[in-house]
Amino acid sequence: MTVAEEWHPVCRVEQLQVERGATALVHGQAVALFRLEDGSVYALGNHDPFAKASMLARGIVGRREDVPFVAPPSHRHGFDLRTGRCLDDEHVSVPAYDVKVVDGVVLVGHRKGAA
């Protein structure tokens, strides 16, 4: 795999609604994408380990102090958008992916290491 193939183009950044999730298939995995007010874009695995369903993209986006998070609609446990770590249970996390925006295109890279 070449370096260029490691980054998967998903969509144009303006296609992502601010503080709303969207889903995409990236590297064979369902990924939830989030664009925040400040223009930053994050990608997490879409599977909610508590509800055991693919629903993180439907969650509520917010902040706890300086931590951007998404809370799935079923239980409101928050997941740090930067790391995937659950803010309410330190033993639970979801995959977080590298994201960059190049020329207005959102590119998703590989899964980040454990937080």
N, C-alpha and C. Protein backbone atom coordinates (compact mmCIF):
# COMPACT_ATOMS: atom_id res chain seq x y z
N MET A 1 0.85 -1.18 0.00
CA MET A 1 0.00 0.00 0.00
C MET A 1 0.89 1.24 0.00
N THR A 2 0.59 2.18 -0.86
CA THR A 2 1.38 3.41 -0.92
C THR A 2 0.88 4.39 0.13
N VAL A 3 1.67 5.43 0.38
CA VAL A 3 1.27 6.45 1.35
C VAL A 3 -0.05 7.09 0.93
N ALA A 4 -0.23 7.35 -0.36
CA ALA A 4 -1.47 7.97 -0.84
C ALA A 4 -2.67 7.09 -0.55
N GLU A 5 -2.52 5.76 -0.63
CA GLU A 5 -3.64 4.86 -0.38
C GLU A 5 -3.98 4.74 1.09
N GLU A 6 -3.08 5.16 1.97
CA GLU A 6 -3.36 5.10 3.39
C GLU A 6 -4.41 6.12 3.82
N TRP A 7 -4.59 7.18 3.05
CA TRP A 7 -5.58 8.21 3.33
C TRP A 7 -6.76 8.01 2.39
N HIS A 8 -7.93 7.78 2.95
CA HIS A 8 -9.13 7.49 2.18
C HIS A 8 -9.97 8.77 2.03
N PRO A 9 -10.15 9.29 0.80
CA PRO A 9 -11.01 10.47 0.64
C PRO A 9 -12.46 10.08 0.90
N VAL A 10 -13.14 10.89 1.70
CA VAL A 10 -14.51 10.55 2.11
C VAL A 10 -15.53 11.50 1.51
N CYS A 11 -15.32 12.80 1.67
CA CYS A 11 -16.28 13.79 1.19
C CYS A 11 -15.62 15.16 1.22
N ARG A 12 -16.34 16.15 0.74
CA ARG A 12 -15.87 17.53 0.89
C ARG A 12 -16.27 18.00 2.29
N VAL A 13 -15.42 18.77 2.91
CA VAL A 13 -15.66 19.18 4.30
C VAL A 13 -16.98 19.93 4.45
N GLU A 14 -17.36 20.72 3.44
CA GLU A 14 -18.62 21.47 3.55
C GLU A 14 -19.85 20.57 3.49
N GLN A 15 -19.68 19.32 3.09
CA GLN A 15 -20.80 18.38 3.09
C GLN A 15 -21.13 17.86 4.48
N LEU A 16 -20.21 18.03 5.42
CA LEU A 16 -20.46 17.62 6.80
C LEU A 16 -21.15 18.76 7.55
N GLN A 17 -22.31 18.48 8.11
CA GLN A 17 -23.00 19.48 8.90
C GLN A 17 -22.25 19.70 10.21
N VAL A 18 -22.20 20.92 10.66
CA VAL A 18 -21.51 21.26 11.89
C VAL A 18 -22.24 20.61 13.07
N GLU A 19 -21.47 19.91 13.90
CA GLU A 19 -21.94 19.24 15.11
C GLU A 19 -23.04 18.21 14.84
N ARG A 20 -22.98 17.59 13.66
CA ARG A 20 -23.85 16.48 13.31
C ARG A 20 -22.96 15.38 12.77
N GLY A 21 -23.31 14.15 13.04
CA GLY A 21 -22.50 13.03 12.56
C GLY A 21 -22.90 12.59 11.17
N ALA A 22 -21.97 11.96 10.49
CA ALA A 22 -22.20 11.33 9.20
C ALA A 22 -21.41 10.02 9.21
N THR A 23 -21.85 9.06 8.43
CA THR A 23 -21.14 7.78 8.39
C THR A 23 -20.51 7.55 7.02
N ALA A 24 -19.44 6.78 7.02
CA ALA A 24 -18.75 6.41 5.79
C ALA A 24 -18.08 5.06 6.01
N LEU A 25 -17.87 4.36 4.93
CA LEU A 25 -17.13 3.10 4.98
C LEU A 25 -15.68 3.43 4.62
N VAL A 26 -14.78 3.22 5.57
CA VAL A 26 -13.37 3.56 5.38
C VAL A 26 -12.52 2.36 5.78
N HIS A 27 -11.67 1.92 4.88
CA HIS A 27 -10.82 0.76 5.13
C HIS A 27 -11.65 -0.43 5.60
N GLY A 28 -12.88 -0.56 5.08
CA GLY A 28 -13.76 -1.67 5.42
C GLY A 28 -14.47 -1.53 6.75
N GLN A 29 -14.37 -0.37 7.40
CA GLN A 29 -14.99 -0.14 8.71
C GLN A 29 -15.99 1.00 8.64
N ALA A 30 -17.10 0.88 9.38
CA ALA A 30 -18.07 1.97 9.49
C ALA A 30 -17.48 3.03 10.41
N VAL A 31 -17.36 4.24 9.90
CA VAL A 31 -16.74 5.34 10.63
C VAL A 31 -17.74 6.48 10.76
N ALA A 32 -17.79 7.07 11.94
CA ALA A 32 -18.62 8.24 12.19
C ALA A 32 -17.74 9.48 12.10
N LEU A 33 -18.16 10.45 11.28
CA LEU A 33 -17.40 11.68 11.07
C LEU A 33 -18.13 12.85 11.72
N PHE A 34 -17.36 13.77 12.30
CA PHE A 34 -17.93 14.93 12.97
C PHE A 34 -17.12 16.17 12.62
N ARG A 35 -17.82 17.25 12.24
CA ARG A 35 -17.16 18.54 12.01
C ARG A 35 -17.65 19.49 13.09
N LEU A 36 -16.73 20.16 13.76
CA LEU A 36 -17.07 21.06 14.84
C LEU A 36 -17.11 22.51 14.36
N GLU A 37 -17.61 23.38 15.20
CA GLU A 37 -17.72 24.81 14.89
C GLU A 37 -16.38 25.42 14.48
N ASP A 38 -15.29 24.95 15.11
CA ASP A 38 -13.97 25.52 14.81
C ASP A 38 -13.36 24.97 13.52
N GLY A 39 -14.09 24.10 12.82
CA GLY A 39 -13.62 23.54 11.56
C GLY A 39 -12.88 22.23 11.69
N SER A 40 -12.59 21.80 12.91
CA SER A 40 -11.90 20.52 13.09
C SER A 40 -12.84 19.37 12.72
N VAL A 41 -12.24 18.29 12.23
CA VAL A 41 -13.00 17.11 11.82
C VAL A 41 -12.42 15.90 12.53
N TYR A 42 -13.30 15.05 13.06
CA TYR A 42 -12.89 13.85 13.79
C TYR A 42 -13.58 12.64 13.21
N ALA A 43 -12.95 11.47 13.41
CA ALA A 43 -13.53 10.21 12.96
C ALA A 43 -13.38 9.16 14.05
N LEU A 44 -14.50 8.52 14.38
CA LEU A 44 -14.53 7.43 15.36
C LEU A 44 -15.20 6.23 14.72
N GLY A 45 -14.91 5.05 15.27
CA GLY A 45 -15.68 3.88 14.86
C GLY A 45 -17.14 4.12 15.19
N ASN A 46 -18.05 3.76 14.33
CA ASN A 46 -19.46 4.07 14.52
C ASN A 46 -20.16 3.15 15.51
N HIS A 47 -19.54 2.04 15.91
CA HIS A 47 -20.18 1.05 16.78
C HIS A 47 -20.14 1.52 18.23
N ASP A 48 -21.31 1.60 18.86
CA ASP A 48 -21.45 1.97 20.26
C ASP A 48 -21.32 0.71 21.11
N PRO A 49 -20.28 0.59 21.93
CA PRO A 49 -20.08 -0.63 22.71
C PRO A 49 -21.12 -0.85 23.80
N PHE A 50 -21.80 0.19 24.24
CA PHE A 50 -22.83 0.04 25.27
C PHE A 50 -24.14 -0.47 24.67
N ALA A 51 -24.56 0.14 23.57
CA ALA A 51 -25.82 -0.26 22.92
C ALA A 51 -25.62 -1.45 22.00
N LYS A 52 -24.35 -1.76 21.69
CA LYS A 52 -24.02 -2.84 20.76
C LYS A 52 -24.71 -2.64 19.41
N ALA A 53 -24.64 -1.40 18.94
CA ALA A 53 -25.25 -1.03 17.66
C ALA A 53 -24.44 0.09 17.02
N SER A 54 -24.56 0.19 15.71
CA SER A 54 -23.86 1.25 14.98
C SER A 54 -24.69 2.52 15.04
N MET A 55 -24.33 3.41 15.98
CA MET A 55 -25.15 4.59 16.18
C MET A 55 -24.40 5.82 16.67
N LEU A 56 -23.08 5.78 16.76
CA LEU A 56 -22.37 6.97 17.26
C LEU A 56 -22.61 8.20 16.40
N ALA A 57 -22.75 8.02 15.09
CA ALA A 57 -22.96 9.17 14.19
C ALA A 57 -24.27 9.89 14.50
N ARG A 58 -25.20 9.23 15.16
CA ARG A 58 -26.49 9.86 15.51
C ARG A 58 -26.44 10.55 16.86
N GLY A 59 -25.27 10.57 17.48
CA GLY A 59 -25.14 11.12 18.82
C GLY A 59 -25.16 12.63 18.89
N ILE A 60 -25.16 13.11 20.11
CA ILE A 60 -25.16 14.54 20.40
C ILE A 60 -23.72 14.99 20.61
N VAL A 61 -23.30 16.02 19.88
CA VAL A 61 -21.94 16.53 19.97
C VAL A 61 -21.92 17.67 20.99
N GLY A 62 -20.89 17.68 21.82
CA GLY A 62 -20.76 18.74 22.81
C GLY A 62 -19.34 18.86 23.31
N ARG A 63 -19.18 19.57 24.44
CA ARG A 63 -17.87 19.74 25.07
C ARG A 63 -18.03 19.57 26.57
N ARG A 64 -17.05 18.91 27.16
CA ARG A 64 -16.90 18.87 28.62
C ARG A 64 -15.57 19.53 28.89
N GLU A 65 -15.64 20.72 29.44
CA GLU A 65 -14.47 21.56 29.59
C GLU A 65 -13.84 21.75 28.21
N ASP A 66 -12.62 21.27 27.98
CA ASP A 66 -11.96 21.43 26.68
C ASP A 66 -12.04 20.19 25.81
N VAL A 67 -12.83 19.21 26.21
CA VAL A 67 -12.87 17.92 25.50
C VAL A 67 -14.09 17.85 24.58
N PRO A 68 -13.86 17.78 23.26
CA PRO A 68 -14.99 17.59 22.35
C PRO A 68 -15.44 16.13 22.43
N PHE A 69 -16.76 15.90 22.50
CA PHE A 69 -17.24 14.54 22.64
C PHE A 69 -18.54 14.33 21.87
N VAL A 70 -18.88 13.05 21.70
CA VAL A 70 -20.18 12.67 21.16
C VAL A 70 -20.80 11.71 22.16
N ALA A 71 -22.09 11.88 22.40
CA ALA A 71 -22.84 11.00 23.30
C ALA A 71 -23.95 10.34 22.49
N PRO A 72 -23.91 9.01 22.36
CA PRO A 72 -24.95 8.32 21.61
C PRO A 72 -26.33 8.56 22.20
N PRO A 73 -27.37 8.52 21.38
CA PRO A 73 -28.71 8.83 21.87
C PRO A 73 -29.27 7.83 22.87
N SER A 74 -28.74 6.62 22.92
CA SER A 74 -29.33 5.60 23.77
C SER A 74 -28.96 5.71 25.25
N HIS A 75 -27.81 6.26 25.58
CA HIS A 75 -27.40 6.24 26.99
C HIS A 75 -26.63 7.46 27.45
N ARG A 76 -26.17 8.27 26.56
CA ARG A 76 -25.48 9.53 26.87
C ARG A 76 -24.08 9.40 27.45
N HIS A 77 -23.45 8.23 27.37
CA HIS A 77 -22.03 8.14 27.74
C HIS A 77 -21.24 8.89 26.68
N GLY A 78 -20.40 9.81 27.08
CA GLY A 78 -19.64 10.60 26.12
C GLY A 78 -18.35 9.93 25.69
N PHE A 79 -18.02 10.05 24.40
CA PHE A 79 -16.76 9.54 23.85
C PHE A 79 -15.95 10.72 23.33
N ASP A 80 -14.70 10.82 23.79
CA ASP A 80 -13.79 11.88 23.37
C ASP A 80 -13.57 11.75 21.85
N LEU A 81 -13.88 12.80 21.11
CA LEU A 81 -13.73 12.76 19.66
C LEU A 81 -12.27 12.65 19.23
N ARG A 82 -11.35 13.07 20.07
CA ARG A 82 -9.92 13.03 19.73
C ARG A 82 -9.31 11.65 19.90
N THR A 83 -9.78 10.90 20.90
CA THR A 83 -9.13 9.63 21.27
C THR A 83 -10.05 8.42 21.21
N GLY A 84 -11.36 8.63 21.26
CA GLY A 84 -12.31 7.53 21.32
C GLY A 84 -12.57 7.01 22.72
N ARG A 85 -11.87 7.52 23.71
CA ARG A 85 -12.03 7.05 25.09
C ARG A 85 -13.37 7.53 25.67
N CYS A 86 -14.05 6.63 26.37
CA CYS A 86 -15.31 6.98 27.04
C CYS A 86 -15.00 7.90 28.22
N LEU A 87 -15.71 9.01 28.31
CA LEU A 87 -15.48 9.97 29.40
C LEU A 87 -16.12 9.51 30.70
N ASP A 88 -17.01 8.52 30.63
CA ASP A 88 -17.75 8.06 31.81
C ASP A 88 -17.29 6.70 32.31
N ASP A 89 -16.47 6.00 31.54
CA ASP A 89 -15.96 4.69 31.94
C ASP A 89 -14.59 4.52 31.29
N GLU A 90 -13.54 4.69 32.08
CA GLU A 90 -12.18 4.68 31.54
C GLU A 90 -11.76 3.35 30.92
N HIS A 91 -12.53 2.30 31.12
CA HIS A 91 -12.20 0.99 30.57
C HIS A 91 -12.81 0.76 29.18
N VAL A 92 -13.57 1.72 28.70
CA VAL A 92 -14.27 1.57 27.42
C VAL A 92 -13.77 2.63 26.44
N SER A 93 -13.60 2.21 25.20
CA SER A 93 -13.24 3.17 24.14
C SER A 93 -13.73 2.63 22.80
N VAL A 94 -13.74 3.51 21.82
CA VAL A 94 -14.05 3.14 20.44
C VAL A 94 -12.85 3.56 19.61
N PRO A 95 -12.67 2.96 18.43
CA PRO A 95 -11.53 3.35 17.59
C PRO A 95 -11.62 4.82 17.17
N ALA A 96 -10.48 5.48 17.18
CA ALA A 96 -10.37 6.85 16.66
C ALA A 96 -9.42 6.79 15.47
N TYR A 97 -9.70 7.59 14.45
CA TYR A 97 -8.92 7.56 13.22
C TYR A 97 -8.28 8.91 12.95
N ASP A 98 -7.13 8.88 12.32
CA ASP A 98 -6.47 10.11 11.87
C ASP A 98 -7.34 10.75 10.79
N VAL A 99 -7.44 12.07 10.83
CA VAL A 99 -8.22 12.81 9.83
C VAL A 99 -7.42 14.04 9.43
N LYS A 100 -7.47 14.35 8.13
CA LYS A 100 -6.91 15.62 7.66
C LYS A 100 -7.80 16.12 6.53
N VAL A 101 -7.77 17.42 6.33
CA VAL A 101 -8.52 18.04 5.24
C VAL A 101 -7.50 18.65 4.29
N VAL A 102 -7.55 18.22 3.03
CA VAL A 102 -6.62 18.70 2.01
C VAL A 102 -7.45 19.23 0.84
N ASP A 103 -7.26 20.50 0.53
CA ASP A 103 -8.00 21.14 -0.57
C ASP A 103 -9.51 20.94 -0.42
N GLY A 104 -9.99 21.00 0.83
CA GLY A 104 -11.42 20.89 1.10
C GLY A 104 -11.96 19.48 1.14
N VAL A 105 -11.10 18.47 0.96
CA VAL A 105 -11.53 17.07 0.98
C VAL A 105 -11.13 16.45 2.31
N VAL A 106 -12.09 15.77 2.97
CA VAL A 106 -11.82 15.07 4.22
C VAL A 106 -11.17 13.72 3.88
N LEU A 107 -10.00 13.50 4.47
CA LEU A 107 -9.27 12.24 4.28
C LEU A 107 -9.18 11.54 5.63
N VAL A 108 -9.51 10.26 5.65
CA VAL A 108 -9.41 9.48 6.88
C VAL A 108 -8.27 8.49 6.72
N GLY A 109 -7.40 8.48 7.72
CA GLY A 109 -6.24 7.59 7.71
C GLY A 109 -6.49 6.35 8.56
N HIS A 110 -5.43 5.85 9.09
CA HIS A 110 -5.51 4.62 9.89
C HIS A 110 -5.98 4.89 11.30
N ARG A 111 -6.35 3.82 11.94
CA ARG A 111 -6.77 3.87 13.34
C ARG A 111 -5.61 4.36 14.19
N LYS A 112 -5.93 5.27 15.11
CA LYS A 112 -4.91 5.77 16.04
C LYS A 112 -4.57 4.70 17.06
N GLY A 113 -3.41 4.83 17.69
CA GLY A 113 -3.03 3.93 18.76
C GLY A 113 -3.91 4.14 19.97
N ALA A 114 -3.85 3.24 20.92
CA ALA A 114 -4.67 3.34 22.14
C ALA A 114 -4.37 4.64 22.87
N ALA A 115 -5.42 5.23 23.41
CA ALA A 115 -5.27 6.50 24.14
C ALA A 115 -4.72 6.28 25.52
